[in-house]
C-alpha atoms as a PDB file:
ATOM      1  CA  UNK A   1      75.642 -30.089  14.152  1.00  0.00           C
ATOM      2  CA  UNK A   2      75.291 -27.012  16.028  1.00  0.00           C
ATOM      3  CA  UNK A   3      75.167 -23.428  14.419  1.00  0.00           C
ATOM      4  CA  UNK A   4      77.337 -21.820  16.903  1.00  0.00           C
ATOM      5  CA  UNK A   5      79.723 -24.852  16.127  1.00  0.00           C
ATOM      6  CA  UNK A   6      79.394 -23.745  12.524  1.00  0.00           C
ATOM      7  CA  UNK A   7      79.853 -20.258  12.954  1.00  0.00           C
ATOM      8  CA  UNK A   8      83.381 -21.005  14.747  1.00  0.00           C
ATOM      9  CA  UNK A   9      84.298 -23.274  11.972  1.00  0.00           C
ATOM     10  CA  UNK A  10      83.518 -20.765   9.360  1.00  0.00           C
ATOM     11  CA  UNK A  11      85.352 -18.096  11.193  1.00  0.00           C
ATOM     12  CA  UNK A  12      88.305 -20.284  11.181  1.00  0.00           C
ATOM     13  CA  UNK A  13      88.255 -20.701   7.536  1.00  0.00           C
ATOM     14  CA  UNK A  14      87.844 -17.155   6.669  1.00  0.00           C
ATOM     15  CA  UNK A  15      90.837 -15.963   8.966  1.00  0.00           C
ATOM     16  CA  UNK A  16      93.243 -19.029   8.148  1.00  0.00           C
ATOM     17  CA  UNK A  17      93.425 -18.058   4.600  1.00  0.00           C
ATOM     18  CA  UNK A  18      91.806 -21.425   3.485  1.00  0.00           C
ATOM     19  CA  UNK A  19      91.602 -22.509  -0.407  1.00  0.00           C
ATOM     20  CA  UNK A  20      89.040 -20.352  -2.004  1.00  0.00           C
ATOM     21  CA  UNK A  21      88.008 -19.048  -5.944  1.00  0.00           C
ATOM     22  CA  UNK A  22      86.197 -16.373  -4.394  1.00  0.00           C
ATOM     23  CA  UNK A  23      86.798 -13.401  -1.899  1.00  0.00           C
ATOM     24  CA  UNK A  24      83.761 -13.869  -0.151  1.00  0.00           C
ATOM     25  CA  UNK A  25      84.127 -17.206   0.671  1.00  0.00           C
ATOM     26  CA  UNK A  26      86.838 -19.746   2.035  1.00  0.00           C
ATOM     27  CA  UNK A  27      86.731 -23.830   1.542  1.00  0.00           C
ATOM     28  CA  UNK A  28      87.487 -26.287  -1.016  1.00  0.00           C
ATOM     29  CA  UNK A  29      85.193 -28.429  -3.865  1.00  0.00           C
ATOM     30  CA  UNK A  30      83.355 -29.970  -1.173  1.00  0.00           C
ATOM     31  CA  UNK A  31      82.242 -27.154   1.439  1.00  0.00           C
ATOM     32  CA  UNK A  32      82.174 -24.167   1.508  1.00  0.00           C
ATOM     33  CA  UNK A  33      82.139 -21.323   3.842  1.00  0.00           C
ATOM     34  CA  UNK A  34      80.400 -17.646   2.548  1.00  0.00           C
ATOM     35  CA  UNK A  35      79.730 -14.264   4.256  1.00  0.00           C
ATOM     36  CA  UNK A  36      78.056 -11.409   3.044  1.00  0.00           C
ATOM     37  CA  UNK A  37      76.860 -12.616  -0.041  1.00  0.00           C
ATOM     38  CA  UNK A  38      74.619 -10.702  -2.351  1.00  0.00           C
ATOM     39  CA  UNK A  39      72.290 -12.580  -5.275  1.00  0.00           C
ATOM     40  CA  UNK A  40      74.960 -11.507  -8.202  1.00  0.00           C
ATOM     41  CA  UNK A  41      77.734 -13.850  -6.149  1.00  0.00           C
ATOM     42  CA  UNK A  42      75.937 -16.852  -6.257  1.00  0.00           C
ATOM     43  CA  UNK A  43      77.075 -17.824 -10.666  1.00  0.00           C
ATOM     44  CA  UNK A  44      80.317 -17.244  -9.502  1.00  0.00           C
ATOM     45  CA  UNK A  45      80.141 -19.533  -6.590  1.00  0.00           C
ATOM     46  CA  UNK A  46      77.969 -22.416  -8.202  1.00  0.00           C
ATOM     47  CA  UNK A  47      79.438 -25.554  -8.429  1.00  0.00           C
ATOM     48  CA  UNK A  48      78.317 -29.248  -9.084  1.00  0.00           C
ATOM     49  CA  UNK A  49      80.971 -30.521  -7.163  1.00  0.00           C
ATOM     50  CA  UNK A  50      79.680 -29.077  -3.266  1.00  0.00           C
ATOM     51  CA  UNK A  51      78.400 -31.109  -0.941  1.00  0.00           C
ATOM     52  CA  UNK A  52      78.289 -28.898   2.146  1.00  0.00           C
ATOM     53  CA  UNK A  53      77.145 -24.533   1.955  1.00  0.00           C
ATOM     54  CA  UNK A  54      77.506 -22.629   4.846  1.00  0.00           C
ATOM     55  CA  UNK A  55      76.299 -18.846   4.235  1.00  0.00           C
ATOM     56  CA  UNK A  56      75.728 -16.398   7.179  1.00  0.00           C
ATOM     57  CA  UNK A  57      75.402 -12.464   6.901  1.00  0.00           C
ATOM     58  CA  UNK A  58      74.357 -12.493   3.697  1.00  0.00           C
ATOM     59  CA  UNK A  59      72.035  -9.817   1.693  1.00  0.00           C
ATOM     60  CA  UNK A  60      69.997 -12.788  -0.065  1.00  0.00           C
ATOM     61  CA  UNK A  61      66.844 -13.126   2.025  1.00  0.00           C
ATOM     62  CA  UNK A  62      64.682 -15.277  -0.182  1.00  0.00           C
ATOM     63  CA  UNK A  63      65.541 -18.906  -0.836  1.00  0.00           C
ATOM     64  CA  UNK A  64      64.117 -20.209  -4.306  1.00  0.00           C
ATOM     65  CA  UNK A  65      64.712 -23.451  -5.865  1.00  0.00           C
ATOM     66  CA  UNK A  66      66.659 -21.633  -8.850  1.00  0.00           C
ATOM     67  CA  UNK A  67      69.361 -20.648  -5.728  1.00  0.00           C
ATOM     68  CA  UNK A  68      69.333 -24.426  -4.811  1.00  0.00           C
ATOM     69  CA  UNK A  69      70.102 -25.773  -8.337  1.00  0.00           C
ATOM     70  CA  UNK A  70      73.372 -23.881  -8.464  1.00  0.00           C
ATOM     71  CA  UNK A  71      74.585 -26.582  -5.831  1.00  0.00           C
ATOM     72  CA  UNK A  72      72.972 -29.997  -7.500  1.00  0.00           C
ATOM     73  CA  UNK A  73      74.613 -31.913  -5.709  1.00  0.00           C
ATOM     74  CA  UNK A  74      74.495 -29.984  -2.788  1.00  0.00           C
ATOM     75  CA  UNK A  75      73.623 -32.573   0.848  1.00  0.00           C
ATOM     76  CA  UNK A  76      74.326 -30.205   3.595  1.00  0.00           C
ATOM     77  CA  UNK A  77      72.942 -26.206   3.800  1.00  0.00           C
ATOM     78  CA  UNK A  78      73.213 -23.960   6.827  1.00  0.00           C
ATOM     79  CA  UNK A  79      72.288 -20.107   6.168  1.00  0.00           C
ATOM     80  CA  UNK A  80      72.328 -18.151   9.533  1.00  0.00           C
ATOM     81  CA  UNK A  81      71.158 -14.461  10.022  1.00  0.00           C
ATOM     82  CA  UNK A  82      70.218 -14.239   6.704  1.00  0.00           C
ATOM     83  CA  UNK A  83      67.087 -15.891   4.839  1.00  0.00           C
ATOM     84  CA  UNK A  84      63.529 -14.298   5.647  1.00  0.00           C
ATOM     85  CA  UNK A  85      61.294 -16.182   2.998  1.00  0.00           C
ATOM     86  CA  UNK A  86      61.610 -19.939   1.737  1.00  0.00           C
ATOM     87  CA  UNK A  87      59.507 -20.604  -1.654  1.00  0.00           C
ATOM     88  CA  UNK A  88      57.628 -23.453  -1.348  1.00  0.00           C
ATOM     89  CA  UNK A  89      59.486 -25.618  -3.323  1.00  0.00           C
ATOM     90  CA  UNK A  90      62.951 -24.365  -3.006  1.00  0.00           C
ATOM     91  CA  UNK A  91      64.264 -28.001  -1.910  1.00  0.00           C
ATOM     92  CA  UNK A  92      62.391 -29.667  -4.531  1.00  0.00           C
ATOM     93  CA  UNK A  93      64.621 -31.876  -7.130  1.00  0.00           C
ATOM     94  CA  UNK A  94      67.368 -31.250  -4.588  1.00  0.00           C
ATOM     95  CA  UNK A  95      69.719 -34.195  -2.841  1.00  0.00           C
ATOM     96  CA  UNK A  96      69.596 -32.330   0.564  1.00  0.00           C
ATOM     97  CA  UNK A  97      69.201 -34.336   3.291  1.00  0.00           C
ATOM     98  CA  UNK A  98      70.445 -31.566   6.282  1.00  0.00           C
ATOM     99  CA  UNK A  99      68.979 -27.927   6.283  1.00  0.00           C
ATOM    100  CA  UNK A 100      69.984 -25.826   9.149  1.00  0.00           C
ATOM    101  CA  UNK A 101      68.175 -22.264   9.185  1.00  0.00           C
ATOM    102  CA  UNK A 102      68.684 -20.341  12.546  1.00  0.00           C
ATOM    103  CA  UNK A 103      68.927 -17.236  13.559  1.00  0.00           C
ATOM    104  CA  UNK A 104      66.704 -16.012  10.569  1.00  0.00           C
ATOM    105  CA  UNK A 105      63.773 -14.188  10.171  1.00  0.00           C
ATOM    106  CA  UNK A 106      60.782 -16.520   8.808  1.00  0.00           C
ATOM    107  CA  UNK A 107      57.136 -15.944  10.155  1.00  0.00           C
ATOM    108  CA  UNK A 108      56.046 -18.792   8.168  1.00  0.00           C
ATOM    109  CA  UNK A 109      56.729 -22.306   6.289  1.00  0.00           C
ATOM    110  CA  UNK A 110      54.748 -23.868   3.674  1.00  0.00           C
ATOM    111  CA  UNK A 111      53.938 -27.012   4.815  1.00  0.00           C
ATOM    112  CA  UNK A 112      55.038 -28.794   1.525  1.00  0.00           C
ATOM    113  CA  UNK A 113      58.018 -27.423   1.706  1.00  0.00           C
ATOM    114  CA  UNK A 114      59.930 -30.902   2.409  1.00  0.00           C
ATOM    115  CA  UNK A 115      57.331 -32.795   0.726  1.00  0.00           C
ATOM    116  CA  UNK A 116      58.723 -35.565  -1.823  1.00  0.00           C
ATOM    117  CA  UNK A 117      62.289 -34.421  -0.739  1.00  0.00           C
ATOM    118  CA  UNK A 118      64.961 -36.928   1.308  1.00  0.00           C
ATOM    119  CA  UNK A 119      65.876 -34.136   3.832  1.00  0.00           C
ATOM    120  CA  UNK A 120      65.796 -35.916   7.495  1.00  0.00           C
ATOM    121  CA  UNK A 121      67.056 -32.742   9.466  1.00  0.00           C
ATOM    122  CA  UNK A 122      65.770 -29.452   9.790  1.00  0.00           C
ATOM    123  CA  UNK A 123      66.527 -26.701  12.104  1.00  0.00           C
ATOM    124  CA  UNK A 124      64.394 -23.426  12.112  1.00  0.00           C
ATOM    125  CA  UNK A 125      66.113 -22.733  15.857  1.00  0.00           C
ATOM    126  CA  UNK A 126      65.727 -18.679  16.773  1.00  0.00           C
ATOM    127  CA  UNK A 127      63.561 -17.741  14.149  1.00  0.00           C
ATOM    128  CA  UNK A 128      62.354 -15.165  16.627  1.00  0.00           C
ATOM    129  CA  UNK A 129      58.761 -14.575  14.975  1.00  0.00           C
ATOM    130  CA  UNK A 130      58.191 -18.569  13.698  1.00  0.00           C
ATOM    131  CA  UNK A 131      54.130 -18.969  13.858  1.00  0.00           C
ATOM    132  CA  UNK A 132      51.906 -22.182  14.146  1.00  0.00           C
ATOM    133  CA  UNK A 133      48.395 -22.191  13.298  1.00  0.00           C
ATOM    134  CA  UNK A 134      45.608 -24.169  14.428  1.00  0.00           C
ATOM    135  CA  UNK A 135      43.957 -26.786  11.877  1.00  0.00           C
ATOM    136  CA  UNK A 136      47.455 -27.216   9.718  1.00  0.00           C
ATOM    137  CA  UNK A 137      50.105 -29.034   9.626  1.00  0.00           C
ATOM    138  CA  UNK A 138      53.419 -27.531  10.363  1.00  0.00           C
ATOM    139  CA  UNK A 139      55.258 -29.571   8.250  1.00  0.00           C
ATOM    140  CA  UNK A 140      55.012 -32.701   5.602  1.00  0.00           C
ATOM    141  CA  UNK A 141      57.265 -35.543   5.411  1.00  0.00           C
ATOM    142  CA  UNK A 142      57.822 -39.052   5.637  1.00  0.00           C
ATOM    143  CA  UNK A 143      61.485 -38.407   5.870  1.00  0.00           C
ATOM    144  CA  UNK A 144      62.006 -36.108   8.263  1.00  0.00           C
ATOM    145  CA  UNK A 145      63.399 -37.628  11.759  1.00  0.00           C
ATOM    146  CA  UNK A 146      64.689 -34.664  13.320  1.00  0.00           C
ATOM    147  CA  UNK A 147      63.061 -31.112  13.979  1.00  0.00           C
ATOM    148  CA  UNK A 148      64.910 -27.942  15.754  1.00  0.00           C
ATOM    149  CA  UNK A 149      62.658 -25.323  17.308  1.00  0.00           C
ATOM    150  CA  UNK A 150      64.123 -23.993  19.815  1.00  0.00           C
ATOM    151  CA  UNK A 151      63.620 -20.287  20.881  1.00  0.00           C
ATOM    152  CA  UNK A 152      61.195 -19.357  18.747  1.00  0.00           C
ATOM    153  CA  UNK A 153      58.656 -17.460  20.746  1.00  0.00           C
ATOM    154  CA  UNK A 154      56.518 -20.044  20.294  1.00  0.00           C
ATOM    155  CA  UNK A 155      53.276 -20.117  22.618  1.00  0.00           C
ATOM    156  CA  UNK A 156      51.051 -22.348  21.521  1.00  0.00           C
ATOM    157  CA  UNK A 157      51.124 -26.150  19.892  1.00  0.00           C
ATOM    158  CA  UNK A 158      47.678 -27.676  18.098  1.00  0.00           C
ATOM    159  CA  UNK A 159      46.751 -30.705  17.457  1.00  0.00           C
ATOM    160  CA  UNK A 160      47.349 -31.141  13.630  1.00  0.00           C
ATOM    161  CA  UNK A 161      51.024 -29.724  13.481  1.00  0.00           C
ATOM    162  CA  UNK A 162      53.223 -32.859  13.512  1.00  0.00           C
ATOM    163  CA  UNK A 163      50.397 -34.938  12.496  1.00  0.00           C
ATOM    164  CA  UNK A 164      52.121 -35.281   8.700  1.00  0.00           C
ATOM    165  CA  UNK A 165      55.635 -35.959  10.356  1.00  0.00           C
ATOM    166  CA  UNK A 166      55.467 -40.170  10.767  1.00  0.00           C
ATOM    167  CA  UNK A 167      59.183 -40.653  10.659  1.00  0.00           C
ATOM    168  CA  UNK A 168      60.369 -38.127  13.633  1.00  0.00           C
ATOM    169  CA  UNK A 169      62.347 -39.398  16.305  1.00  0.00           C
ATOM    170  CA  UNK A 170      63.392 -36.092  18.041  1.00  0.00           C
ATOM    171  CA  UNK A 171      61.572 -32.680  18.471  1.00  0.00           C
ATOM    172  CA  UNK A 172      63.532 -29.465  20.261  1.00  0.00           C
ATOM    173  CA  UNK A 173      60.777 -27.298  21.869  1.00  0.00           C
ATOM    174  CA  UNK A 174      63.155 -25.826  24.437  1.00  0.00           C
ATOM    175  CA  UNK A 175      62.765 -22.194  24.784  1.00  0.00           C
ATOM    176  CA  UNK A 176      59.817 -21.567  23.690  1.00  0.00           C
ATOM    177  CA  UNK A 177      56.647 -19.227  25.288  1.00  0.00           C
ATOM    178  CA  UNK A 178      54.657 -22.949  25.858  1.00  0.00           C
ATOM    179  CA  UNK A 179      52.201 -23.315  28.546  1.00  0.00           C
ATOM    180  CA  UNK A 180      50.418 -26.406  27.891  1.00  0.00           C
ATOM    181  CA  UNK A 181      49.950 -29.103  25.134  1.00  0.00           C
ATOM    182  CA  UNK A 182      46.918 -30.641  23.351  1.00  0.00           C
ATOM    183  CA  UNK A 183      46.010 -34.132  24.534  1.00  0.00           C
ATOM    184  CA  UNK A 184      47.110 -35.651  20.794  1.00  0.00           C
ATOM    185  CA  UNK A 185      49.782 -33.517  19.852  1.00  0.00           C
ATOM    186  CA  UNK A 186      52.034 -35.831  19.378  1.00  0.00           C
ATOM    187  CA  UNK A 187      50.030 -39.014  18.748  1.00  0.00           C
ATOM    188  CA  UNK A 188      50.949 -39.331  15.202  1.00  0.00           C
ATOM    189  CA  UNK A 189      54.661 -39.224  15.888  1.00  0.00           C
ATOM    190  CA  UNK A 190      55.195 -42.789  17.645  1.00  0.00           C
ATOM    191  CA  UNK A 191      58.237 -43.028  16.765  1.00  0.00           C
ATOM    192  CA  UNK A 192      59.669 -40.205  19.087  1.00  0.00           C
ATOM    193  CA  UNK A 193      62.620 -40.828  21.410  1.00  0.00           C
ATOM    194  CA  UNK A 194      63.613 -37.587  22.010  1.00  0.00           C
ATOM    195  CA  UNK A 195      61.041 -34.732  23.281  1.00  0.00           C
ATOM    196  CA  UNK A 196      62.510 -31.170  24.366  1.00  0.00           C
ATOM    197  CA  UNK A 197      60.229 -28.965  26.641  1.00  0.00           C
ATOM    198  CA  UNK A 198      62.737 -27.571  28.602  1.00  0.00           C
ATOM    199  CA  UNK A 199      62.945 -24.115  29.411  1.00  0.00           C
ATOM    200  CA  UNK A 200      59.660 -22.889  28.331  1.00  0.00           C
ATOM    201  CA  UNK A 201      56.218 -21.886  30.710  1.00  0.00           C
ATOM    202  CA  UNK A 202      54.707 -25.158  32.149  1.00  0.00           C
ATOM    203  CA  UNK A 203      53.436 -24.575  35.395  1.00  0.00           C
ATOM    204  CA  UNK A 204      51.175 -27.654  35.050  1.00  0.00           C
ATOM    205  CA  UNK A 205      50.195 -30.539  32.176  1.00  0.00           C
ATOM    206  CA  UNK A 206      48.595 -33.814  32.319  1.00  0.00           C
ATOM    207  CA  UNK A 207      50.387 -37.424  31.215  1.00  0.00           C
ATOM    208  CA  UNK A 208      47.779 -37.095  27.738  1.00  0.00           C
ATOM    209  CA  UNK A 209      50.069 -35.767  25.066  1.00  0.00           C
ATOM    210  CA  UNK A 210      52.584 -38.792  25.893  1.00  0.00           C
ATOM    211  CA  UNK A 211      50.799 -41.466  26.467  1.00  0.00           C
ATOM    212  CA  UNK A 212      51.197 -43.238  22.805  1.00  0.00           C
ATOM    213  CA  UNK A 213      54.981 -42.009  23.061  1.00  0.00           C
ATOM    214  CA  UNK A 214      56.334 -45.641  24.291  1.00  0.00           C
ATOM    215  CA  UNK A 215      60.238 -44.894  23.462  1.00  0.00           C
ATOM    216  CA  UNK A 216      60.596 -41.147  24.343  1.00  0.00           C
ATOM    217  CA  UNK A 217      62.774 -39.574  27.097  1.00  0.00           C
ATOM    218  CA  UNK A 218      61.143 -35.926  27.718  1.00  0.00           C
ATOM    219  CA  UNK A 219      63.284 -33.285  28.938  1.00  0.00           C
ATOM    220  CA  UNK A 220      61.207 -30.722  31.692  1.00  0.00           C
ATOM    221  CA  UNK A 221      63.654 -28.751  33.397  1.00  0.00           C
ATOM    222  CA  UNK A 222      63.696 -25.136  33.903  1.00  0.00           C
ATOM    223  CA  UNK A 223      60.108 -25.143  33.439  1.00  0.00           C
ATOM    224  CA  UNK A 224      58.280 -23.268  36.617  1.00  0.00           C
ATOM    225  CA  UNK A 225      55.846 -26.022  37.806  1.00  0.00           C
ATOM    226  CA  UNK A 226      52.901 -25.402  40.399  1.00  0.00           C
ATOM    227  CA  UNK A 227      53.518 -28.156  42.118  1.00  0.00           C
ATOM    228  CA  UNK A 228      50.432 -29.802  43.046  1.00  0.00           C
ATOM    229  CA  UNK A 229      47.844 -32.691  42.727  1.00  0.00           C
ATOM    230  CA  UNK A 230      47.107 -31.552  38.911  1.00  0.00           C
ATOM    231  CA  UNK A 231      50.677 -32.566  38.356  1.00  0.00           C
ATOM    232  CA  UNK A 232      50.427 -35.959  40.077  1.00  0.00           C
ATOM    233  CA  UNK A 233      49.436 -37.909  36.918  1.00  0.00           C
ATOM    234  CA  UNK A 234      52.329 -36.418  34.803  1.00  0.00           C
ATOM    235  CA  UNK A 235      54.897 -37.323  37.678  1.00  0.00           C
ATOM    236  CA  UNK A 236      53.494 -40.905  37.829  1.00  0.00           C
ATOM    237  CA  UNK A 237      53.695 -41.061  33.849  1.00  0.00           C
ATOM    238  CA  UNK A 238      57.303 -40.153  34.165  1.00  0.00           C
ATOM    239  CA  UNK A 239      58.415 -42.490  36.839  1.00  0.00           C
ATOM    240  CA  UNK A 240      57.136 -45.352  34.747  1.00  0.00           C
ATOM    241  CA  UNK A 241      58.868 -44.515  31.440  1.00  0.00           C
ATOM    242  CA  UNK A 242      62.244 -42.727  32.548  1.00  0.00           C
ATOM    243  CA  UNK A 243      65.080 -43.739  35.288  1.00  0.00           C
ATOM    244  CA  UNK A 244      65.224 -39.983  35.989  1.00  0.00           C
ATOM    245  CA  UNK A 245      63.252 -37.109  35.471  1.00  0.00           C
ATOM    246  CA  UNK A 246      63.712 -33.548  35.741  1.00  0.00           C
ATOM    247  CA  UNK A 247      59.980 -32.281  37.251  1.00  0.00           C
ATOM    248  CA  UNK A 248      61.835 -30.779  39.888  1.00  0.00           C
ATOM    249  CA  UNK A 249      59.775 -28.978  42.709  1.00  0.00           C
ATOM    250  CA  UNK A 250      58.846 -28.721  46.408  1.00  0.00           C
ATOM    251  CA  UNK A 251      55.773 -30.653  48.192  1.00  0.00           C
ATOM    252  CA  UNK A 252      53.292 -28.028  49.283  1.00  0.00           C
ATOM    253  CA  UNK A 253      53.771 -27.386  52.944  1.00  0.00           C
ATOM    254  CA  UNK A 254      50.801 -28.272  55.042  1.00  0.00           C
ATOM    255  CA  UNK A 255      49.644 -30.817  52.190  1.00  0.00           C
ATOM    256  CA  UNK A 256      49.900 -34.844  52.814  1.00  0.00           C
ATOM    257  CA  UNK A 257      49.575 -37.383  49.969  1.00  0.00           C
ATOM    258  CA  UNK A 258      49.981 -41.117  50.320  1.00  0.00           C
ATOM    259  CA  UNK A 259      52.643 -41.255  47.510  1.00  0.00           C
ATOM    260  CA  UNK A 260      55.941 -39.059  50.124  1.00  0.00           C
ATOM    261  CA  UNK A 261      58.108 -39.209  46.809  1.00  0.00           C
ATOM    262  CA  UNK A 262      55.369 -37.851  44.626  1.00  0.00           C
ATOM    263  CA  UNK A 263      58.029 -34.520  43.728  1.00  0.00           C
END
């Protein structure tokens, strides 16, 4: 679920006075929306019945395993505009399957944070200072299928960043600062069916990062493409793999190629 929709739902709950046992939260036994929480508030809302928990604008800036253990049957967790640090074991031994943490202030995430968990969806979009590093995996997980890294100001993807996510089906990298990709960036992600690279800074790109992705649909719109022969292999690959592609630009004047429909 999109975090903006979650915020709307949260405000609806808070403004309509839905049932709650604590003044900073609204909801019921299974679903809770909370605003402006502090650490000392958590014992008051701890519950083994809670399945979905959304908190926003809280002063809880570090997420720990102890925090999550206050909700032993939690499956869906959303933290918006709250968290700066994730402890490396915060999701261990939990029942979480869906974690959404947009618009926080995360700068780095321990690569093992999802290892041996049941989490299949992880959203860290709009964490503007999130960093990826060369020679390191971004995450390690045999369960993760959906990864949202939209609008994180990411400037570079490194070869091994996604190599330990074999079940990944969807990556959203839209709205970043990417200008290129390593040729083997997604070689270990052969189950990918959706890759969003729209609204980045690509001017040219080869087809090599996508050659092992047989079922993927790649989104490329709103990139400042430089339309020359360097882009030809990518266009050809897109035409052979997607019924519609969105690399749009005009053929430079004064140049001719055998393929008049290249662009």
